[in-house]
Amino acid sequence: MEQKIRRDLNMGTNLRRLRDIAGLSQEKLCAELQRRGCDIGRTTYAKYEAGELNIKTSVIVTLKKIYDCSYDDFFLNLD
């Protein structure tokens, strides 16, 4: 039996755009996430931006606080 995997929407482009606007490297962003209680390493975060891994809601909530943006910014152009 063949299993078909449905591809989810990729918000990696939006994650990268927000990080670039904030002027943060992946390393500095991950350090800030860890300081705020999200145990995310740079390799994992790079997979979020590449669309290889779905981001956890708790990470989005923390990123919203770091970037001082709206949730809509994470879902821009994901129709």
PDB file of N, CA and C in Angstrom:
ATOM      1  N   MET A   1       0.840  -1.173   0.000  1.00  0.00           N
ATOM      2  CA  MET A   1       0.000   0.000   0.000  1.00  0.00           C
ATOM      3  C   MET A   1       0.890   1.243   0.000  1.00  0.00           C
ATOM      4  N   GLU A   2       0.612   2.131  -0.923  1.00  0.00           N
ATOM      5  CA  GLU A   2       1.392   3.355  -1.028  1.00  0.00           C
ATOM      6  C   GLU A   2       0.826   4.423  -0.104  1.00  0.00           C
ATOM      7  N   GLN A   3       1.696   5.046   0.658  1.00  0.00           N
ATOM      8  CA  GLN A   3       1.263   6.101   1.567  1.00  0.00           C
ATOM      9  C   GLN A   3       1.603   7.449   0.949  1.00  0.00           C
ATOM     10  N   LYS A   4       0.625   8.297   0.880  1.00  0.00           N
ATOM     11  CA  LYS A   4       0.856   9.639   0.353  1.00  0.00           C
ATOM     12  C   LYS A   4       0.958  10.616   1.516  1.00  0.00           C
ATOM     13  N   ILE A   5       1.988  11.413   1.500  1.00  0.00           N
ATOM     14  CA  ILE A   5       2.191  12.404   2.555  1.00  0.00           C
ATOM     15  C   ILE A   5       1.782  13.761   2.002  1.00  0.00           C
ATOM     16  N   ARG A   6       0.834  14.377   2.660  1.00  0.00           N
ATOM     17  CA  ARG A   6       0.364  15.695   2.266  1.00  0.00           C
ATOM     18  C   ARG A   6       1.375  16.737   2.727  1.00  0.00           C
ATOM     19  N   ARG A   7       1.806  17.567   1.842  1.00  0.00           N
ATOM     20  CA  ARG A   7       2.770  18.604   2.192  1.00  0.00           C
ATOM     21  C   ARG A   7       2.044  19.770   2.845  1.00  0.00           C
ATOM     22  N   ASP A   8       2.544  20.185   3.983  1.00  0.00           N
ATOM     23  CA  ASP A   8       1.948  21.288   4.721  1.00  0.00           C
ATOM     24  C   ASP A   8       2.469  22.608   4.163  1.00  0.00           C
ATOM     25  N   LEU A   9       1.782  23.689   4.493  1.00  0.00           N
ATOM     26  CA  LEU A   9       2.227  25.014   4.079  1.00  0.00           C
ATOM     27  C   LEU A   9       3.550  25.340   4.762  1.00  0.00           C
ATOM     28  N   ASN A  10       4.433  25.974   4.042  1.00  0.00           N
ATOM     29  CA  ASN A  10       5.758  26.289   4.557  1.00  0.00           C
ATOM     30  C   ASN A  10       5.839  27.759   4.946  1.00  0.00           C
ATOM     31  N   MET A  11       6.037  28.012   6.228  1.00  0.00           N
ATOM     32  CA  MET A  11       6.175  29.397   6.679  1.00  0.00           C
ATOM     33  C   MET A  11       7.640  29.797   6.846  1.00  0.00           C
ATOM     34  N   GLY A  12       8.541  28.979   6.342  1.00  0.00           N
ATOM     35  CA  GLY A  12       9.970  29.246   6.477  1.00  0.00           C
ATOM     36  C   GLY A  12      10.395  30.595   5.930  1.00  0.00           C
ATOM     37  N   THR A  13       9.821  30.984   4.795  1.00  0.00           N
ATOM     38  CA  THR A  13      10.166  32.281   4.198  1.00  0.00           C
ATOM     39  C   THR A  13       9.805  33.423   5.141  1.00  0.00           C
ATOM     40  N   ASN A  14       8.653  33.313   5.783  1.00  0.00           N
ATOM     41  CA  ASN A  14       8.224  34.346   6.729  1.00  0.00           C
ATOM     42  C   ASN A  14       9.104  34.356   7.971  1.00  0.00           C
ATOM     43  N   LEU A  15       9.505  33.181   8.434  1.00  0.00           N
ATOM     44  CA  LEU A  15      10.397  33.121   9.595  1.00  0.00           C
ATOM     45  C   LEU A  15      11.735  33.802   9.270  1.00  0.00           C
ATOM     46  N   ARG A  16      12.249  33.531   8.092  1.00  0.00           N
ATOM     47  CA  ARG A  16      13.520  34.140   7.686  1.00  0.00           C
ATOM     48  C   ARG A  16      13.375  35.652   7.534  1.00  0.00           C
ATOM     49  N   ARG A  17      12.269  36.093   6.922  1.00  0.00           N
ATOM     50  CA  ARG A  17      12.039  37.530   6.720  1.00  0.00           C
ATOM     51  C   ARG A  17      11.989  38.250   8.061  1.00  0.00           C
ATOM     52  N   LEU A  18      11.254  37.712   9.018  1.00  0.00           N
ATOM     53  CA  LEU A  18      11.141  38.348  10.335  1.00  0.00           C
ATOM     54  C   LEU A  18      12.490  38.391  11.053  1.00  0.00           C
ATOM     55  N   ARG A  19      13.251  37.313  10.925  1.00  0.00           N
ATOM     56  CA  ARG A  19      14.572  37.282  11.562  1.00  0.00           C
ATOM     57  C   ARG A  19      15.506  38.305  10.917  1.00  0.00           C
ATOM     58  N   ASP A  20      15.441  38.404   9.590  1.00  0.00           N
ATOM     59  CA  ASP A  20      16.279  39.387   8.889  1.00  0.00           C
ATOM     60  C   ASP A  20      15.906  40.817   9.286  1.00  0.00           C
ATOM     61  N   ILE A  21      14.607  41.092   9.385  1.00  0.00           N
ATOM     62  CA  ILE A  21      14.148  42.432   9.791  1.00  0.00           C
ATOM     63  C   ILE A  21      14.674  42.772  11.192  1.00  0.00           C
ATOM     64  N   ALA A  22      14.687  41.759  12.063  1.00  0.00           N
ATOM     65  CA  ALA A  22      15.167  41.970  13.437  1.00  0.00           C
ATOM     66  C   ALA A  22      16.692  42.076  13.493  1.00  0.00           C
ATOM     67  N   GLY A  23      17.363  41.720  12.398  1.00  0.00           N
ATOM     68  CA  GLY A  23      18.821  41.813  12.360  1.00  0.00           C
ATOM     69  C   GLY A  23      19.512  40.760  13.204  1.00  0.00           C
ATOM     70  N   LEU A  24      18.902  39.581  13.306  1.00  0.00           N
ATOM     71  CA  LEU A  24      19.459  38.517  14.140  1.00  0.00           C
ATOM     72  C   LEU A  24      19.978  37.365  13.285  1.00  0.00           C
ATOM     73  N   SER A  25      21.080  36.792  13.698  1.00  0.00           N
ATOM     74  CA  SER A  25      21.537  35.548  13.079  1.00  0.00           C
ATOM     75  C   SER A  25      20.727  34.411  13.698  1.00  0.00           C
ATOM     76  N   GLN A  26      20.777  33.253  13.085  1.00  0.00           N
ATOM     77  CA  GLN A  26      20.089  32.102  13.673  1.00  0.00           C
ATOM     78  C   GLN A  26      20.655  31.790  15.053  1.00  0.00           C
ATOM     79  N   GLU A  27      21.951  31.920  15.205  1.00  0.00           N
ATOM     80  CA  GLU A  27      22.582  31.636  16.501  1.00  0.00           C
ATOM     81  C   GLU A  27      22.079  32.580  17.592  1.00  0.00           C
ATOM     82  N   LYS A  28      22.045  33.886  17.273  1.00  0.00           N
ATOM     83  CA  LYS A  28      21.590  34.860  18.273  1.00  0.00           C
ATOM     84  C   LYS A  28      20.106  34.691  18.580  1.00  0.00           C
ATOM     85  N   LEU A  29      19.314  34.378  17.556  1.00  0.00           N
ATOM     86  CA  LEU A  29      17.895  34.153  17.783  1.00  0.00           C
ATOM     87  C   LEU A  29      17.682  32.937  18.677  1.00  0.00           C
ATOM     88  N   CYS A  30      18.405  31.860  18.413  1.00  0.00           N
ATOM     89  CA  CYS A  30      18.255  30.651  19.231  1.00  0.00           C
ATOM     90  C   CYS A  30      18.701  30.893  20.672  1.00  0.00           C
ATOM     91  N   ALA A  31      19.719  31.705  20.856  1.00  0.00           N
ATOM     92  CA  ALA A  31      20.153  32.052  22.215  1.00  0.00           C
ATOM     93  C   ALA A  31      19.042  32.804  22.946  1.00  0.00           C
ATOM     94  N   GLU A  32      18.380  33.713  22.244  1.00  0.00           N
ATOM     95  CA  GLU A  32      17.271  34.459  22.850  1.00  0.00           C
ATOM     96  C   GLU A  32      16.077  33.541  23.126  1.00  0.00           C
ATOM     97  N   LEU A  33      15.788  32.633  22.217  1.00  0.00           N
ATOM     98  CA  LEU A  33      14.706  31.666  22.440  1.00  0.00           C
ATOM     99  C   LEU A  33      15.007  30.819  23.674  1.00  0.00           C
ATOM    100  N   GLN A  34      16.244  30.358  23.808  1.00  0.00           N
ATOM    101  CA  GLN A  34      16.633  29.555  24.968  1.00  0.00           C
ATOM    102  C   GLN A  34      16.543  30.359  26.252  1.00  0.00           C
ATOM    103  N   ARG A  35      16.929  31.620  26.188  1.00  0.00           N
ATOM    104  CA  ARG A  35      16.829  32.489  27.369  1.00  0.00           C
ATOM    105  C   ARG A  35      15.381  32.623  27.822  1.00  0.00           C
ATOM    106  N   ARG A  36      14.462  32.536  26.862  1.00  0.00           N
ATOM    107  CA  ARG A  36      13.033  32.668  27.167  1.00  0.00           C
ATOM    108  C   ARG A  36      12.337  31.326  27.384  1.00  0.00           C
ATOM    109  N   GLY A  37      13.119  30.247  27.472  1.00  0.00           N
ATOM    110  CA  GLY A  37      12.559  28.950  27.831  1.00  0.00           C
ATOM    111  C   GLY A  37      12.250  28.005  26.687  1.00  0.00           C
ATOM    112  N   CYS A  38      12.586  28.370  25.455  1.00  0.00           N
ATOM    113  CA  CYS A  38      12.393  27.482  24.303  1.00  0.00           C
ATOM    114  C   CYS A  38      13.726  26.816  23.983  1.00  0.00           C
ATOM    115  N   ASP A  39      13.815  25.539  24.197  1.00  0.00           N
ATOM    116  CA  ASP A  39      15.069  24.826  23.980  1.00  0.00           C
ATOM    117  C   ASP A  39      15.201  24.447  22.508  1.00  0.00           C
ATOM    118  N   ILE A  40      15.578  25.433  21.691  1.00  0.00           N
ATOM    119  CA  ILE A  40      15.701  25.256  20.247  1.00  0.00           C
ATOM    120  C   ILE A  40      17.145  25.534  19.853  1.00  0.00           C
ATOM    121  N   GLY A  41      17.750  24.570  19.186  1.00  0.00           N
ATOM    122  CA  GLY A  41      19.111  24.754  18.677  1.00  0.00           C
ATOM    123  C   GLY A  41      19.081  25.341  17.272  1.00  0.00           C
ATOM    124  N   ARG A  42      20.227  25.805  16.809  1.00  0.00           N
ATOM    125  CA  ARG A  42      20.309  26.423  15.495  1.00  0.00           C
ATOM    126  C   ARG A  42      19.951  25.453  14.377  1.00  0.00           C
ATOM    127  N   THR A  43      20.355  24.195  14.511  1.00  0.00           N
ATOM    128  CA  THR A  43      20.046  23.202  13.477  1.00  0.00           C
ATOM    129  C   THR A  43      18.541  23.004  13.341  1.00  0.00           C
ATOM    130  N   THR A  44      17.852  22.918  14.458  1.00  0.00           N
ATOM    131  CA  THR A  44      16.394  22.767  14.432  1.00  0.00           C
ATOM    132  C   THR A  44      15.755  24.006  13.830  1.00  0.00           C
ATOM    133  N   TYR A  45      16.208  25.181  14.243  1.00  0.00           N
ATOM    134  CA  TYR A  45      15.621  26.410  13.711  1.00  0.00           C
ATOM    135  C   TYR A  45      15.866  26.526  12.204  1.00  0.00           C
ATOM    136  N   ALA A  46      17.041  26.122  11.737  1.00  0.00           N
ATOM    137  CA  ALA A  46      17.341  26.147  10.304  1.00  0.00           C
ATOM    138  C   ALA A  46      16.356  25.256   9.542  1.00  0.00           C
ATOM    139  N   LYS A  47      15.960  24.153  10.142  1.00  0.00           N
ATOM    140  CA  LYS A  47      14.978  23.260   9.512  1.00  0.00           C
ATOM    141  C   LYS A  47      13.604  23.914   9.447  1.00  0.00           C
ATOM    142  N   TYR A  48      13.256  24.738  10.437  1.00  0.00           N
ATOM    143  CA  TYR A  48      11.996  25.496  10.370  1.00  0.00           C
ATOM    144  C   TYR A  48      12.016  26.420   9.161  1.00  0.00           C
ATOM    145  N   GLU A  49      13.105  27.152   8.996  1.00  0.00           N
ATOM    146  CA  GLU A  49      13.202  28.106   7.894  1.00  0.00           C
ATOM    147  C   GLU A  49      13.261  27.406   6.537  1.00  0.00           C
ATOM    148  N   ALA A  50      13.831  26.212   6.490  1.00  0.00           N
ATOM    149  CA  ALA A  50      13.939  25.463   5.232  1.00  0.00           C
ATOM    150  C   ALA A  50      12.654  24.710   4.901  1.00  0.00           C
ATOM    151  N   GLY A  51      11.706  24.684   5.833  1.00  0.00           N
ATOM    152  CA  GLY A  51      10.459  23.960   5.600  1.00  0.00           C
ATOM    153  C   GLY A  51      10.593  22.463   5.792  1.00  0.00           C
ATOM    154  N   GLU A  52      11.661  22.023   6.428  1.00  0.00           N
ATOM    155  CA  GLU A  52      11.888  20.603   6.665  1.00  0.00           C
ATOM    156  C   GLU A  52      11.237  20.107   7.950  1.00  0.00           C
ATOM    157  N   LEU A  53      10.827  21.042   8.796  1.00  0.00           N
ATOM    158  CA  LEU A  53      10.260  20.706  10.097  1.00  0.00           C
ATOM    159  C   LEU A  53       9.192  21.727  10.424  1.00  0.00           C
ATOM    160  N   ASN A  54       8.052  21.254  10.926  1.00  0.00           N
ATOM    161  CA  ASN A  54       6.987  22.172  11.321  1.00  0.00           C
ATOM    162  C   ASN A  54       7.326  22.795  12.672  1.00  0.00           C
ATOM    163  N   ILE A  55       7.118  24.084  12.769  1.00  0.00           N
ATOM    164  CA  ILE A  55       7.440  24.827  13.983  1.00  0.00           C
ATOM    165  C   ILE A  55       6.352  24.628  15.035  1.00  0.00           C
ATOM    166  N   LYS A  56       6.768  24.548  16.280  1.00  0.00           N
ATOM    167  CA  LYS A  56       5.821  24.381  17.384  1.00  0.00           C
ATOM    168  C   LYS A  56       5.128  25.707  17.686  1.00  0.00           C
ATOM    169  N   THR A  57       3.901  25.614  18.121  1.00  0.00           N
ATOM    170  CA  THR A  57       3.124  26.806  18.469  1.00  0.00           C
ATOM    171  C   THR A  57       3.815  27.600  19.577  1.00  0.00           C
ATOM    172  N   SER A  58       4.390  26.920  20.545  1.00  0.00           N
ATOM    173  CA  SER A  58       5.056  27.622  21.651  1.00  0.00           C
ATOM    174  C   SER A  58       6.227  28.465  21.143  1.00  0.00           C
ATOM    175  N   VAL A  59       6.890  28.016  20.085  1.00  0.00           N
ATOM    176  CA  VAL A  59       7.998  28.783  19.516  1.00  0.00           C
ATOM    177  C   VAL A  59       7.454  30.015  18.802  1.00  0.00           C
ATOM    178  N   ILE A  60       6.339  29.866  18.088  1.00  0.00           N
ATOM    179  CA  ILE A  60       5.728  31.021  17.413  1.00  0.00           C
ATOM    180  C   ILE A  60       5.318  32.070  18.434  1.00  0.00           C
ATOM    181  N   VAL A  61       4.746  31.651  19.546  1.00  0.00           N
ATOM    182  CA  VAL A  61       4.331  32.594  20.591  1.00  0.00           C
ATOM    183  C   VAL A  61       5.539  33.363  21.112  1.00  0.00           C
ATOM    184  N   THR A  62       6.644  32.672  21.334  1.00  0.00           N
ATOM    185  CA  THR A  62       7.850  33.334  21.826  1.00  0.00           C
ATOM    186  C   THR A  62       8.461  34.244  20.766  1.00  0.00           C
ATOM    187  N   LEU A  63       8.468  33.788  19.509  1.00  0.00           N
ATOM    188  CA  LEU A  63       8.993  34.633  18.432  1.00  0.00           C
ATOM    189  C   LEU A  63       8.173  35.905  18.285  1.00  0.00           C
ATOM    190  N   LYS A  64       6.863  35.802  18.453  1.00  0.00           N
ATOM    191  CA  LYS A  64       5.993  36.985  18.375  1.00  0.00           C
ATOM    192  C   LYS A  64       6.427  38.029  19.408  1.00  0.00           C
ATOM    193  N   LYS A  65       6.771  37.566  20.593  1.00  0.00           N
ATOM    194  CA  LYS A  65       7.228  38.481  21.646  1.00  0.00           C
ATOM    195  C   LYS A  65       8.595  39.081  21.301  1.00  0.00           C
ATOM    196  N   ILE A  66       9.487  38.268  20.764  1.00  0.00           N
ATOM    197  CA  ILE A  66      10.825  38.757  20.404  1.00  0.00           C
ATOM    198  C   ILE A  66      10.732  39.799  19.294  1.00  0.00           C
ATOM    199  N   TYR A  67       9.934  39.505  18.263  1.00  0.00           N
ATOM    200  CA  TYR A  67       9.835  40.388  17.105  1.00  0.00           C
ATOM    201  C   TYR A  67       8.837  41.523  17.287  1.00  0.00           C
ATOM    202  N   ASP A  68       8.010  41.435  18.328  1.00  0.00           N
ATOM    203  CA  ASP A  68       6.961  42.435  18.569  1.00  0.00           C
ATOM    204  C   ASP A  68       6.140  42.643  17.291  1.00  0.00           C
ATOM    205  N   CYS A  69       5.619  41.536  16.774  1.00  0.00           N
ATOM    206  CA  CYS A  69       4.847  41.565  15.531  1.00  0.00           C
ATOM    207  C   CYS A  69       3.486  40.902  15.784  1.00  0.00           C
ATOM    208  N   SER A  70       2.673  40.842  14.752  1.00  0.00           N
ATOM    209  CA  SER A  70       1.385  40.161  14.878  1.00  0.00           C
ATOM    210  C   SER A  70       1.530  38.718  14.404  1.00  0.00           C
ATOM    211  N   TYR A  71       0.586  37.887  14.768  1.00  0.00           N
ATOM    212  CA  TYR A  71       0.595  36.507  14.288  1.00  0.00           C
ATOM    213  C   TYR A  71       0.420  36.455  12.780  1.00  0.00           C
ATOM    214  N   ASP A  72      -0.273  37.427  12.214  1.00  0.00           N
ATOM    215  CA  ASP A  72      -0.471  37.475  10.763  1.00  0.00           C
ATOM    216  C   ASP A  72       0.866  37.510  10.025  1.00  0.00           C
ATOM    217  N   ASP A  73       1.878  38.108  10.629  1.00  0.00           N
ATOM    218  CA  ASP A  73       3.190  38.186   9.977  1.00  0.00           C
ATOM    219  C   ASP A  73       3.799  36.805   9.740  1.00  0.00           C
ATOM    220  N   PHE A  74       3.460  35.842  10.558  1.00  0.00           N
ATOM    221  CA  PHE A  74       3.984  34.491  10.394  1.00  0.00           C
ATOM    222  C   PHE A  74       3.287  33.743   9.254  1.00  0.00           C
ATOM    223  N   PHE A  75       2.054  34.142   8.947  1.00  0.00           N
ATOM    224  CA  PHE A  75       1.240  33.426   7.969  1.00  0.00           C
ATOM    225  C   PHE A  75       1.037  34.209   6.667  1.00  0.00           C
ATOM    226  N   LEU A  76       1.844  35.242   6.465  1.00  0.00           N
ATOM    227  CA  LEU A  76       1.736  36.080   5.279  1.00  0.00           C
ATOM    228  C   LEU A  76       1.920  35.242   4.014  1.00  0.00           C
ATOM    229  N   ASN A  77       1.002  35.429   3.059  1.00  0.00           N
ATOM    230  CA  ASN A  77       1.036  34.744   1.753  1.00  0.00           C
ATOM    231  C   ASN A  77       0.938  33.228   1.826  1.00  0.00           C
ATOM    232  N   LEU A  78       0.336  32.694   2.859  1.00  0.00           N
ATOM    233  CA  LEU A  78       0.127  31.246   2.955  1.00  0.00           C
ATOM    234  C   LEU A  78      -1.330  30.901   2.712  1.00  0.00           C
ATOM    235  N   ASP A  79      -1.829  31.168   1.505  1.00  0.00           N
ATOM    236  CA  ASP A  79      -3.230  30.881   1.221  1.00  0.00           C
ATOM    237  C   ASP A  79      -3.419  29.435   0.903  1.00  0.00           C
TER     238      ASP A  79
END
